[in-house]
C-alpha atoms as a PDB file:
ATOM      1  CA  MET A   1     -82.912 -40.527  24.329  1.00  0.00           C
ATOM      2  CA  LEU A   2     -79.599 -38.663  24.576  1.00  0.00           C
ATOM      3  CA  LYS A   3     -78.372 -40.361  21.405  1.00  0.00           C
ATOM      4  CA  PHE A   4     -81.531 -39.338  19.551  1.00  0.00           C
ATOM      5  CA  THR A   5     -81.149 -35.732  20.754  1.00  0.00           C
ATOM      6  CA  LEU A   6     -77.526 -35.608  19.582  1.00  0.00           C
ATOM      7  CA  ILE A   7     -78.465 -36.992  16.166  1.00  0.00           C
ATOM      8  CA  LEU A   8     -81.301 -34.482  15.871  1.00  0.00           C
ATOM      9  CA  LEU A   9     -79.030 -31.616  16.918  1.00  0.00           C
ATOM     10  CA  SER A  10     -76.379 -32.704  14.375  1.00  0.00           C
ATOM     11  CA  PHE A  11     -79.009 -32.828  11.631  1.00  0.00           C
ATOM     12  CA  CYS A  12     -80.234 -29.331  12.516  1.00  0.00           C
ATOM     13  CA  ILE A  13     -76.700 -27.919  12.418  1.00  0.00           C
ATOM     14  CA  LEU A  14     -75.998 -29.548   9.050  1.00  0.00           C
ATOM     15  CA  SER A  15     -79.285 -28.407   7.553  1.00  0.00           C
ATOM     16  CA  PHE A  16     -78.366 -24.779   8.224  1.00  0.00           C
ATOM     17  CA  ALA A  17     -74.811 -25.074   6.887  1.00  0.00           C
ATOM     18  CA  ASP A  18     -73.920 -22.277   4.501  1.00  0.00           C
ATOM     19  CA  THR A  19     -72.435 -22.802   1.077  1.00  0.00           C
ATOM     20  CA  GLU A  20     -68.653 -22.546   1.071  1.00  0.00           C
ATOM     21  CA  TYR A  21     -67.093 -20.540  -1.726  1.00  0.00           C
ATOM     22  CA  ALA A  22     -64.544 -22.168  -3.976  1.00  0.00           C
ATOM     23  CA  GLU A  23     -61.233 -20.361  -4.295  1.00  0.00           C
ATOM     24  CA  PRO A  24     -60.789 -17.769  -5.481  1.00  0.00           C
ATOM     25  CA  LYS A  25     -63.838 -16.332  -3.775  1.00  0.00           C
ATOM     26  CA  PRO A  26     -66.078 -14.137  -5.912  1.00  0.00           C
ATOM     27  CA  SER A  27     -65.337 -10.426  -5.697  1.00  0.00           C
ATOM     28  CA  ILE A  28     -65.738  -7.262  -7.700  1.00  0.00           C
ATOM     29  CA  ASP A  29     -62.304  -7.906  -9.229  1.00  0.00           C
ATOM     30  CA  ASN A  30     -62.956 -11.618  -9.727  1.00  0.00           C
ATOM     31  CA  PRO A  31     -66.668 -12.115 -10.419  1.00  0.00           C
ATOM     32  CA  ARG A  32     -68.268 -15.457 -11.125  1.00  0.00           C
ATOM     33  CA  GLN A  33     -68.905 -15.652 -14.862  1.00  0.00           C
ATOM     34  CA  ILE A  34     -72.048 -17.632 -15.516  1.00  0.00           C
ATOM     35  CA  VAL A  35     -73.800 -18.366 -18.796  1.00  0.00           C
ATOM     36  CA  PHE A  36     -77.261 -19.910 -18.903  1.00  0.00           C
ATOM     37  CA  SER A  37     -79.195 -21.180 -21.876  1.00  0.00           C
ATOM     38  CA  VAL A  38     -82.913 -21.276 -22.442  1.00  0.00           C
ATOM     39  CA  THR A  39     -84.305 -23.451 -25.219  1.00  0.00           C
ATOM     40  CA  GLU A  40     -87.907 -24.064 -24.129  1.00  0.00           C
ATOM     41  CA  ASP A  41     -90.898 -21.761 -24.353  1.00  0.00           C
ATOM     42  CA  THR A  42     -93.249 -23.105 -21.715  1.00  0.00           C
ATOM     43  CA  PRO A  43     -94.250 -20.569 -19.059  1.00  0.00           C
ATOM     44  CA  GLN A  44     -92.611 -22.832 -16.459  1.00  0.00           C
ATOM     45  CA  ALA A  45     -89.283 -22.942 -18.337  1.00  0.00           C
ATOM     46  CA  LEU A  46     -89.237 -19.171 -18.851  1.00  0.00           C
ATOM     47  CA  ASP A  47     -90.150 -18.517 -15.222  1.00  0.00           C
ATOM     48  CA  HIS A  48     -87.540 -21.006 -14.046  1.00  0.00           C
ATOM     49  CA  ILE A  49     -84.604 -19.472 -15.945  1.00  0.00           C
ATOM     50  CA  LEU A  50     -85.479 -15.961 -14.750  1.00  0.00           C
ATOM     51  CA  SER A  51     -85.915 -17.147 -11.154  1.00  0.00           C
ATOM     52  CA  VAL A  52     -82.610 -19.029 -11.167  1.00  0.00           C
ATOM     53  CA  ALA A  53     -80.783 -15.979 -12.538  1.00  0.00           C
ATOM     54  CA  ASN A  54     -82.384 -13.796  -9.874  1.00  0.00           C
ATOM     55  CA  ASN A  55     -81.450 -16.253  -7.109  1.00  0.00           C
ATOM     56  CA  VAL A  56     -77.813 -16.357  -8.239  1.00  0.00           C
ATOM     57  CA  LEU A  57     -77.677 -12.547  -8.224  1.00  0.00           C
ATOM     58  CA  LYS A  58     -79.180 -12.440  -4.730  1.00  0.00           C
ATOM     59  CA  PHE A  59     -76.743 -15.037  -3.400  1.00  0.00           C
ATOM     60  CA  TYR A  60     -73.507 -13.546  -4.761  1.00  0.00           C
ATOM     61  CA  GLY A  61     -74.577  -9.931  -5.114  1.00  0.00           C
ATOM     62  CA  PRO A  62     -74.775  -8.357  -8.573  1.00  0.00           C
ATOM     63  CA  GLU A  63     -71.326  -6.774  -8.255  1.00  0.00           C
ATOM     64  CA  LYS A  64     -69.730 -10.232  -7.920  1.00  0.00           C
ATOM     65  CA  VAL A  65     -71.380 -11.834 -10.958  1.00  0.00           C
ATOM     66  CA  GLU A  66     -71.129 -11.504 -14.715  1.00  0.00           C
ATOM     67  CA  MET A  67     -74.103 -13.272 -16.219  1.00  0.00           C
ATOM     68  CA  LYS A  68     -75.556 -13.863 -19.623  1.00  0.00           C
ATOM     69  CA  ILE A  69     -78.580 -15.811 -20.718  1.00  0.00           C
ATOM     70  CA  VAL A  70     -78.475 -17.185 -24.249  1.00  0.00           C
ATOM     71  CA  ALA A  71     -81.897 -17.736 -25.809  1.00  0.00           C
ATOM     72  CA  TYR A  72     -82.255 -19.927 -28.863  1.00  0.00           C
ATOM     73  CA  SER A  73     -84.742 -22.292 -30.417  1.00  0.00           C
ATOM     74  CA  LYS A  74     -88.092 -21.991 -28.632  1.00  0.00           C
ATOM     75  CA  GLY A  75     -86.380 -20.311 -25.683  1.00  0.00           C
ATOM     76  CA  ILE A  76     -86.106 -17.085 -27.643  1.00  0.00           C
ATOM     77  CA  LYS A  77     -89.640 -16.415 -26.420  1.00  0.00           C
ATOM     78  CA  VAL A  78     -88.084 -15.197 -23.143  1.00  0.00           C
ATOM     79  CA  LEU A  79     -86.996 -12.092 -25.089  1.00  0.00           C
ATOM     80  CA  ASP A  80     -90.382 -11.393 -26.685  1.00  0.00           C
ATOM     81  CA  ARG A  81     -91.154  -7.773 -25.795  1.00  0.00           C
ATOM     82  CA  HIS A  82     -94.873  -8.458 -26.302  1.00  0.00           C
ATOM     83  CA  ASN A  83     -94.893 -11.026 -23.473  1.00  0.00           C
ATOM     84  CA  LYS A  84     -95.278  -8.513 -20.638  1.00  0.00           C
ATOM     85  CA  THR A  85     -94.816 -11.126 -17.920  1.00  0.00           C
ATOM     86  CA  THR A  86     -91.301 -12.059 -18.981  1.00  0.00           C
ATOM     87  CA  ALA A  87     -90.340  -8.720 -20.583  1.00  0.00           C
ATOM     88  CA  VAL A  88     -90.637  -6.897 -17.252  1.00  0.00           C
ATOM     89  CA  ARG A  89     -88.496  -9.507 -15.507  1.00  0.00           C
ATOM     90  CA  VAL A  90     -85.888  -9.525 -18.287  1.00  0.00           C
ATOM     91  CA  ASP A  91     -85.682  -5.736 -18.118  1.00  0.00           C
ATOM     92  CA  ALA A  92     -85.259  -5.881 -14.325  1.00  0.00           C
ATOM     93  CA  LEU A  93     -82.366  -8.348 -14.669  1.00  0.00           C
ATOM     94  CA  MET A  94     -80.801  -6.154 -17.354  1.00  0.00           C
ATOM     95  CA  GLN A  95     -80.718  -3.362 -14.774  1.00  0.00           C
ATOM     96  CA  TYR A  96     -78.223  -5.573 -12.907  1.00  0.00           C
ATOM     97  CA  ASP A  97     -76.105  -5.935 -16.068  1.00  0.00           C
ATOM     98  CA  VAL A  98     -77.356  -9.406 -16.977  1.00  0.00           C
ATOM     99  CA  GLU A  99     -76.852  -9.806 -20.717  1.00  0.00           C
ATOM    100  CA  PHE A 100     -79.626 -11.418 -22.728  1.00  0.00           C
ATOM    101  CA  VAL A 101     -78.362 -12.898 -25.976  1.00  0.00           C
ATOM    102  CA  ALA A 102     -80.652 -13.827 -28.861  1.00  0.00           C
ATOM    103  CA  CYS A 103     -79.704 -16.354 -31.526  1.00  0.00           C
ATOM    104  CA  GLY A 104     -79.771 -14.755 -34.974  1.00  0.00           C
ATOM    105  CA  ASN A 105     -80.270 -18.140 -36.654  1.00  0.00           C
ATOM    106  CA  THR A 106     -83.386 -18.760 -34.554  1.00  0.00           C
ATOM    107  CA  MET A 107     -84.644 -15.263 -35.305  1.00  0.00           C
ATOM    108  CA  ARG A 108     -84.310 -15.864 -39.066  1.00  0.00           C
ATOM    109  CA  THR A 109     -85.923 -19.298 -38.838  1.00  0.00           C
ATOM    110  CA  LEU A 110     -88.893 -18.047 -36.777  1.00  0.00           C
ATOM    111  CA  HIS A 111     -89.129 -14.693 -38.613  1.00  0.00           C
ATOM    112  CA  ILE A 112     -88.448 -12.655 -35.480  1.00  0.00           C
ATOM    113  CA  LYS A 113     -87.334  -9.071 -35.989  1.00  0.00           C
ATOM    114  CA  GLU A 114     -84.973  -7.153 -33.730  1.00  0.00           C
ATOM    115  CA  GLU A 115     -87.805  -4.807 -32.747  1.00  0.00           C
ATOM    116  CA  ASP A 116     -89.751  -7.824 -31.418  1.00  0.00           C
ATOM    117  CA  LEU A 117     -87.093  -8.365 -28.723  1.00  0.00           C
ATOM    118  CA  VAL A 118     -86.830  -6.721 -25.320  1.00  0.00           C
ATOM    119  CA  GLU A 119     -84.794  -3.551 -25.760  1.00  0.00           C
ATOM    120  CA  GLY A 120     -81.163  -4.164 -24.882  1.00  0.00           C
ATOM    121  CA  SER A 121     -81.082  -7.749 -26.154  1.00  0.00           C
ATOM    122  CA  ILE A 122     -77.826  -8.685 -27.871  1.00  0.00           C
ATOM    123  CA  ILE A 123     -78.098 -10.557 -31.156  1.00  0.00           C
ATOM    124  CA  VAL A 124     -75.398 -13.028 -32.156  1.00  0.00           C
ATOM    125  CA  THR A 125     -75.142 -15.184 -35.259  1.00  0.00           C
ATOM    126  CA  ALA A 126     -75.545 -18.502 -33.427  1.00  0.00           C
ATOM    127  CA  GLY A 127     -76.617 -18.962 -29.823  1.00  0.00           C
ATOM    128  CA  VAL A 128     -74.950 -22.326 -29.415  1.00  0.00           C
ATOM    129  CA  VAL A 129     -71.639 -20.869 -30.617  1.00  0.00           C
ATOM    130  CA  GLU A 130     -72.018 -18.074 -28.035  1.00  0.00           C
ATOM    131  CA  LEU A 131     -72.354 -20.786 -25.361  1.00  0.00           C
ATOM    132  CA  LEU A 132     -69.353 -22.687 -26.689  1.00  0.00           C
ATOM    133  CA  GLU A 133     -67.123 -19.613 -26.839  1.00  0.00           C
ATOM    134  CA  SER A 134     -68.226 -18.465 -23.379  1.00  0.00           C
ATOM    135  CA  VAL A 135     -67.346 -21.840 -21.872  1.00  0.00           C
ATOM    136  CA  LYS A 136     -64.032 -21.867 -23.745  1.00  0.00           C
ATOM    137  CA  ALA A 137     -63.298 -18.416 -22.244  1.00  0.00           C
ATOM    138  CA  GLY A 138     -63.814 -19.834 -18.735  1.00  0.00           C
ATOM    139  CA  TRP A 139     -67.483 -19.038 -18.085  1.00  0.00           C
ATOM    140  CA  ILE A 140     -69.482 -21.575 -16.083  1.00  0.00           C
ATOM    141  CA  TYR A 141     -72.353 -23.068 -18.108  1.00  0.00           C
ATOM    142  CA  ILE A 142     -75.568 -23.888 -16.307  1.00  0.00           C
ATOM    143  CA  LYS A 143     -78.647 -25.392 -17.947  1.00  0.00           C
ATOM    144  CA  PRO A 144     -81.406 -25.129 -15.348  1.00  0.00           C
END
């Protein structure tokens, strides 16, 4: 019985272990630079990317994170200003300086105009090149 109690206690301690920061720890002067991509347009995919971004901001604190979300292919729907569900959430994340980047190639292919995007969206020539250059500059790429 004592052995079982010790094992159970060890499991409980481990299950509440906090994440350890890698060095250098994130700070205002040394924020984590994170770039996400979104390429799907299902409600679940759009909700997921916005939730993950929000969770990262909550964990680190917005002052310790530089974040951008690159939307291309079908994922550009996350920036559709007419989709009130996502537009409100995108705008809220923009208030914390999250950059939302739209792929100009996708916009041309799908006949999307700049005025169709959530205000404040950044348009680049090619979303995938934005990802590549961000990673090359040291940003951490996450595809949720």
